[in-house]
Amino acid sequence: MTKPHATENLDRYGSAELPWSRPRDILAEDTPTADLTFFVTTVRPDGRPHSAGVGAVWVDDALYFKGGPGTRRSRNLAVNPACAVSVRLRGIDLTMEGEAHRVTDLATLERVAAVYRTGGWPASVEGDALTAPFSAPSAGPPPWHLYRLTLRRAIGVAGAEPHGATRWDFAP
């Protein structure tokens, strides 16, 4: 299980530190069936940021997302794996920072494709990537690379009780 090695309460109004289990459990429960839009921010070769909406799923305590090999995010990640992923969950806004690396092992591809299918996207594995009859236009044409985010830091701001703001740091 992904556990933070350090936690800092960022709340300025007296709310208690939020447990990492709160956003983690919502990610596990709500992906891929809830209508969530994740935004992945990568770094262009010239240092400028690039953001794009993606379909992501939380599987086996990790976040996975996809992108066609020709998309800007995939080209950026091939050069620099540093990225951030943001999402509005039930009652908490979450930003996760880390590195995203392409996943090519068949067992993980099959496991993640199965989770995507439970949400209504008919993903299947073709070679070392995912394919389906359709996807979001921002994903580019199939096949799609699968990426796994290795968490380094996450920040959550709760808009529902219990309120609060917390940063969680994860071991490299």
C-alpha atoms as a PDB file:
ATOM      1  CA  MET A   1       0.000   0.000   0.000  1.00  0.00           C
ATOM      2  CA  THR A   2       1.241   3.486  -0.862  1.00  0.00           C
ATOM      3  CA  LYS A   3       1.835   5.276   2.425  1.00  0.00           C
ATOM      4  CA  PRO A   4       3.269   8.740   2.966  1.00  0.00           C
ATOM      5  CA  HIS A   5       6.535   9.003   4.884  1.00  0.00           C
ATOM      6  CA  ALA A   6       5.755  12.591   5.909  1.00  0.00           C
ATOM      7  CA  THR A   7       2.570  14.613   6.272  1.00  0.00           C
ATOM      8  CA  GLU A   8       2.095  18.348   6.739  1.00  0.00           C
ATOM      9  CA  ASN A   9      -1.113  20.081   7.768  1.00  0.00           C
ATOM     10  CA  LEU A  10      -1.543  23.057   5.413  1.00  0.00           C
ATOM     11  CA  ASP A  11      -4.848  24.237   6.883  1.00  0.00           C
ATOM     12  CA  ARG A  12      -4.888  27.796   8.244  1.00  0.00           C
ATOM     13  CA  TYR A  13      -8.296  27.606   9.911  1.00  0.00           C
ATOM     14  CA  GLY A  14      -7.689  25.035  12.634  1.00  0.00           C
ATOM     15  CA  SER A  15      -8.824  21.903  10.807  1.00  0.00           C
ATOM     16  CA  ALA A  16      -7.022  18.677  11.556  1.00  0.00           C
ATOM     17  CA  GLU A  17      -4.577  17.008   9.185  1.00  0.00           C
ATOM     18  CA  LEU A  18      -6.361  14.864   6.591  1.00  0.00           C
ATOM     19  CA  PRO A  19      -5.463  11.170   6.361  1.00  0.00           C
ATOM     20  CA  TRP A  20      -4.067   9.944   3.025  1.00  0.00           C
ATOM     21  CA  SER A  21      -6.636   7.155   3.192  1.00  0.00           C
ATOM     22  CA  ARG A  22      -9.386   9.682   2.391  1.00  0.00           C
ATOM     23  CA  PRO A  23      -8.397  10.513  -1.213  1.00  0.00           C
ATOM     24  CA  ARG A  24      -6.838   7.082  -1.769  1.00  0.00           C
ATOM     25  CA  ASP A  25     -10.072   5.295  -0.830  1.00  0.00           C
ATOM     26  CA  ILE A  26     -12.165   7.615  -3.010  1.00  0.00           C
ATOM     27  CA  LEU A  27      -9.841   6.970  -5.960  1.00  0.00           C
ATOM     28  CA  ALA A  28     -10.188   3.214  -5.396  1.00  0.00           C
ATOM     29  CA  GLU A  29     -13.984   3.395  -5.102  1.00  0.00           C
ATOM     30  CA  ASP A  30     -14.753   5.921  -7.849  1.00  0.00           C
ATOM     31  CA  THR A  31     -12.426   5.010 -10.707  1.00  0.00           C
ATOM     32  CA  PRO A  32     -13.401   4.136 -13.357  1.00  0.00           C
ATOM     33  CA  THR A  33     -17.170   4.322 -12.755  1.00  0.00           C
ATOM     34  CA  ALA A  34     -17.541   7.948 -11.564  1.00  0.00           C
ATOM     35  CA  ASP A  35     -17.469  10.802 -14.034  1.00  0.00           C
ATOM     36  CA  LEU A  36     -14.008  12.105 -13.133  1.00  0.00           C
ATOM     37  CA  THR A  37     -11.697  14.139 -15.333  1.00  0.00           C
ATOM     38  CA  PHE A  38      -8.027  13.919 -14.507  1.00  0.00           C
ATOM     39  CA  PHE A  39      -5.607  16.526 -15.832  1.00  0.00           C
ATOM     40  CA  VAL A  40      -2.019  15.453 -16.478  1.00  0.00           C
ATOM     41  CA  THR A  41       0.612  18.173 -16.625  1.00  0.00           C
ATOM     42  CA  THR A  42       3.944  17.302 -18.227  1.00  0.00           C
ATOM     43  CA  VAL A  43       7.042  19.318 -19.101  1.00  0.00           C
ATOM     44  CA  ARG A  44       7.805  20.241 -22.720  1.00  0.00           C
ATOM     45  CA  PRO A  45      11.425  20.062 -23.928  1.00  0.00           C
ATOM     46  CA  ASP A  46      11.671  23.867 -23.650  1.00  0.00           C
ATOM     47  CA  GLY A  47      10.503  23.749 -20.003  1.00  0.00           C
ATOM     48  CA  ARG A  48       6.952  25.005 -20.574  1.00  0.00           C
ATOM     49  CA  PRO A  49       4.091  23.028 -19.013  1.00  0.00           C
ATOM     50  CA  HIS A  50       1.530  21.068 -21.001  1.00  0.00           C
ATOM     51  CA  SER A  51      -1.817  19.909 -19.535  1.00  0.00           C
ATOM     52  CA  ALA A  52      -4.403  17.551 -20.962  1.00  0.00           C
ATOM     53  CA  GLY A  53      -7.504  15.822 -19.675  1.00  0.00           C
ATOM     54  CA  VAL A  54      -7.151  12.049 -19.479  1.00  0.00           C
ATOM     55  CA  GLY A  55      -9.069   8.999 -18.381  1.00  0.00           C
ATOM     56  CA  ALA A  56      -7.275   7.554 -15.378  1.00  0.00           C
ATOM     57  CA  VAL A  57      -7.888   4.658 -13.010  1.00  0.00           C
ATOM     58  CA  TRP A  58      -6.604   3.756  -9.558  1.00  0.00           C
ATOM     59  CA  VAL A  59      -5.577   0.089  -9.680  1.00  0.00           C
ATOM     60  CA  ASP A  60      -3.694  -1.862  -7.017  1.00  0.00           C
ATOM     61  CA  ASP A  61      -2.774   1.334  -5.141  1.00  0.00           C
ATOM     62  CA  ALA A  62      -1.408   3.243  -8.144  1.00  0.00           C
ATOM     63  CA  LEU A  63      -2.743   5.709 -10.697  1.00  0.00           C
ATOM     64  CA  TYR A  64      -2.663   4.728 -14.381  1.00  0.00           C
ATOM     65  CA  PHE A  65      -3.474   6.842 -17.430  1.00  0.00           C
ATOM     66  CA  LYS A  66      -3.074   6.514 -21.184  1.00  0.00           C
ATOM     67  CA  GLY A  67      -1.899   8.475 -24.173  1.00  0.00           C
ATOM     68  CA  GLY A  68      -1.148   7.823 -27.799  1.00  0.00           C
ATOM     69  CA  PRO A  69       2.553   7.735 -28.710  1.00  0.00           C
ATOM     70  CA  GLY A  70       2.196  10.895 -30.792  1.00  0.00           C
ATOM     71  CA  THR A  71       0.456  12.984 -28.139  1.00  0.00           C
ATOM     72  CA  ARG A  72       2.349  15.835 -26.538  1.00  0.00           C
ATOM     73  CA  ARG A  73       2.103  14.200 -23.079  1.00  0.00           C
ATOM     74  CA  SER A  74       3.594  10.918 -24.313  1.00  0.00           C
ATOM     75  CA  ARG A  75       6.387  12.701 -26.155  1.00  0.00           C
ATOM     76  CA  ASN A  76       7.096  14.818 -23.058  1.00  0.00           C
ATOM     77  CA  LEU A  77       7.106  11.792 -20.729  1.00  0.00           C
ATOM     78  CA  ALA A  78       9.520   9.949 -23.020  1.00  0.00           C
ATOM     79  CA  VAL A  79      12.065  12.719 -22.367  1.00  0.00           C
ATOM     80  CA  ASN A  80      11.131  13.789 -18.828  1.00  0.00           C
ATOM     81  CA  PRO A  81       8.890  11.571 -16.654  1.00  0.00           C
ATOM     82  CA  ALA A  82       8.102  14.392 -14.170  1.00  0.00           C
ATOM     83  CA  CYS A  83       4.402  15.196 -14.097  1.00  0.00           C
ATOM     84  CA  ALA A  84       1.452  16.222 -11.961  1.00  0.00           C
ATOM     85  CA  VAL A  85      -2.084  14.849 -12.053  1.00  0.00           C
ATOM     86  CA  SER A  86      -5.058  16.794 -10.677  1.00  0.00           C
ATOM     87  CA  VAL A  87      -8.652  15.715 -10.068  1.00  0.00           C
ATOM     88  CA  ARG A  88     -11.735  16.854  -8.162  1.00  0.00           C
ATOM     89  CA  LEU A  89     -12.934  13.929  -6.072  1.00  0.00           C
ATOM     90  CA  ARG A  90     -16.005  13.667  -3.839  1.00  0.00           C
ATOM     91  CA  GLY A  91     -15.322  16.322  -1.201  1.00  0.00           C
ATOM     92  CA  ILE A  92     -11.626  16.795  -1.891  1.00  0.00           C
ATOM     93  CA  ASP A  93      -9.507  18.328  -4.641  1.00  0.00           C
ATOM     94  CA  LEU A  94      -6.300  16.376  -5.177  1.00  0.00           C
ATOM     95  CA  THR A  95      -3.021  17.051  -6.959  1.00  0.00           C
ATOM     96  CA  MET A  96      -0.477  14.239  -7.240  1.00  0.00           C
ATOM     97  CA  GLU A  97       3.133  14.808  -8.277  1.00  0.00           C
ATOM     98  CA  GLY A  98       5.713  12.259  -9.346  1.00  0.00           C
ATOM     99  CA  GLU A  99       7.072  10.461 -12.365  1.00  0.00           C
ATOM    100  CA  ALA A 100       5.056   8.567 -14.947  1.00  0.00           C
ATOM    101  CA  HIS A 101       6.641   5.638 -16.727  1.00  0.00           C
ATOM    102  CA  ARG A 102       5.260   3.551 -19.525  1.00  0.00           C
ATOM    103  CA  VAL A 103       3.917   0.133 -18.578  1.00  0.00           C
ATOM    104  CA  THR A 104       4.584  -2.684 -21.032  1.00  0.00           C
ATOM    105  CA  ASP A 105       4.263  -5.885 -18.997  1.00  0.00           C
ATOM    106  CA  LEU A 106       1.310  -7.988 -20.110  1.00  0.00           C
ATOM    107  CA  ALA A 107      -0.069  -8.799 -16.639  1.00  0.00           C
ATOM    108  CA  THR A 108      -0.395  -5.135 -15.653  1.00  0.00           C
ATOM    109  CA  LEU A 109      -1.791  -4.136 -19.043  1.00  0.00           C
ATOM    110  CA  GLU A 110      -4.448  -6.871 -18.774  1.00  0.00           C
ATOM    111  CA  ARG A 111      -5.315  -5.928 -15.178  1.00  0.00           C
ATOM    112  CA  VAL A 112      -5.718  -2.214 -15.981  1.00  0.00           C
ATOM    113  CA  ALA A 113      -7.660  -2.932 -19.201  1.00  0.00           C
ATOM    114  CA  ALA A 114     -10.070  -5.053 -17.142  1.00  0.00           C
ATOM    115  CA  VAL A 115     -10.631  -2.161 -14.734  1.00  0.00           C
ATOM    116  CA  TYR A 116     -11.230   0.255 -17.610  1.00  0.00           C
ATOM    117  CA  ARG A 117     -13.836  -2.192 -18.975  1.00  0.00           C
ATOM    118  CA  THR A 118     -15.756  -2.105 -15.657  1.00  0.00           C
ATOM    119  CA  GLY A 119     -16.236   1.616 -16.293  1.00  0.00           C
ATOM    120  CA  GLY A 120     -17.605   1.103 -19.798  1.00  0.00           C
ATOM    121  CA  TRP A 121     -14.500   1.672 -21.910  1.00  0.00           C
ATOM    122  CA  PRO A 122     -13.928  -1.569 -23.890  1.00  0.00           C
ATOM    123  CA  ALA A 123     -10.129  -1.619 -23.597  1.00  0.00           C
ATOM    124  CA  SER A 124      -8.075  -4.596 -24.686  1.00  0.00           C
ATOM    125  CA  VAL A 125      -4.369  -5.300 -24.899  1.00  0.00           C
ATOM    126  CA  GLU A 126      -2.615  -5.280 -28.255  1.00  0.00           C
ATOM    127  CA  GLY A 127       1.115  -5.983 -28.048  1.00  0.00           C
ATOM    128  CA  ASP A 128       2.499  -3.692 -25.344  1.00  0.00           C
ATOM    129  CA  ALA A 129      -0.329  -1.129 -25.415  1.00  0.00           C
ATOM    130  CA  LEU A 130      -4.085  -0.663 -25.061  1.00  0.00           C
ATOM    131  CA  THR A 131      -6.636  -0.430 -27.835  1.00  0.00           C
ATOM    132  CA  ALA A 132     -10.403  -0.018 -28.115  1.00  0.00           C
ATOM    133  CA  PRO A 133     -12.979   0.984 -30.738  1.00  0.00           C
ATOM    134  CA  PHE A 134     -12.972   4.533 -29.336  1.00  0.00           C
ATOM    135  CA  SER A 135     -11.330   6.890 -26.859  1.00  0.00           C
ATOM    136  CA  ALA A 136     -11.224  10.586 -26.053  1.00  0.00           C
ATOM    137  CA  PRO A 137      -9.865  12.743 -28.887  1.00  0.00           C
ATOM    138  CA  SER A 138      -7.043  13.919 -26.597  1.00  0.00           C
ATOM    139  CA  ALA A 139      -5.697  10.354 -26.403  1.00  0.00           C
ATOM    140  CA  GLY A 140      -4.692  10.293 -30.067  1.00  0.00           C
ATOM    141  CA  PRO A 141      -5.258   7.265 -32.298  1.00  0.00           C
ATOM    142  CA  PRO A 142      -4.771   3.698 -30.998  1.00  0.00           C
ATOM    143  CA  PRO A 143      -2.806   1.923 -29.762  1.00  0.00           C
ATOM    144  CA  TRP A 144      -2.392   3.859 -26.503  1.00  0.00           C
ATOM    145  CA  HIS A 145       0.548   3.708 -24.151  1.00  0.00           C
ATOM    146  CA  LEU A 146      -0.255   3.038 -20.509  1.00  0.00           C
ATOM    147  CA  TYR A 147       1.561   5.054 -17.819  1.00  0.00           C
ATOM    148  CA  ARG A 148       1.891   4.446 -14.086  1.00  0.00           C
ATOM    149  CA  LEU A 149       2.390   7.407 -11.772  1.00  0.00           C
ATOM    150  CA  THR A 150       4.983   6.899  -9.051  1.00  0.00           C
ATOM    151  CA  LEU A 151       3.838   9.258  -6.304  1.00  0.00           C
ATOM    152  CA  ARG A 152       6.314  11.679  -4.742  1.00  0.00           C
ATOM    153  CA  ARG A 153       3.871  14.228  -3.259  1.00  0.00           C
ATOM    154  CA  ALA A 154       0.143  14.812  -3.070  1.00  0.00           C
ATOM    155  CA  ILE A 155      -1.853  17.797  -1.838  1.00  0.00           C
ATOM    156  CA  GLY A 156      -5.495  17.565  -0.857  1.00  0.00           C
ATOM    157  CA  VAL A 157      -7.904  20.393  -0.097  1.00  0.00           C
ATOM    158  CA  ALA A 158     -11.193  19.217   1.379  1.00  0.00           C
ATOM    159  CA  GLY A 159     -14.303  21.139   0.371  1.00  0.00           C
ATOM    160  CA  ALA A 160     -16.559  18.927   2.510  1.00  0.00           C
ATOM    161  CA  GLU A 161     -16.485  17.873   6.161  1.00  0.00           C
ATOM    162  CA  PRO A 162     -14.087  17.245   7.612  1.00  0.00           C
ATOM    163  CA  HIS A 163     -12.442  20.267   5.997  1.00  0.00           C
ATOM    164  CA  GLY A 164      -8.695  20.732   5.796  1.00  0.00           C
ATOM    165  CA  ALA A 165      -5.661  20.911   3.577  1.00  0.00           C
ATOM    166  CA  THR A 166      -2.781  18.465   3.769  1.00  0.00           C
ATOM    167  CA  ARG A 167       0.429  17.589   1.916  1.00  0.00           C
ATOM    168  CA  TRP A 168       1.617  14.005   1.851  1.00  0.00           C
ATOM    169  CA  ASP A 169       5.204  13.157   0.862  1.00  0.00           C
ATOM    170  CA  PHE A 170       6.078   9.696  -0.406  1.00  0.00           C
ATOM    171  CA  ALA A 171       9.474   8.019  -0.370  1.00  0.00           C
ATOM    172  CA  PRO A 172      11.433   8.162  -3.624  1.00  0.00           C
END
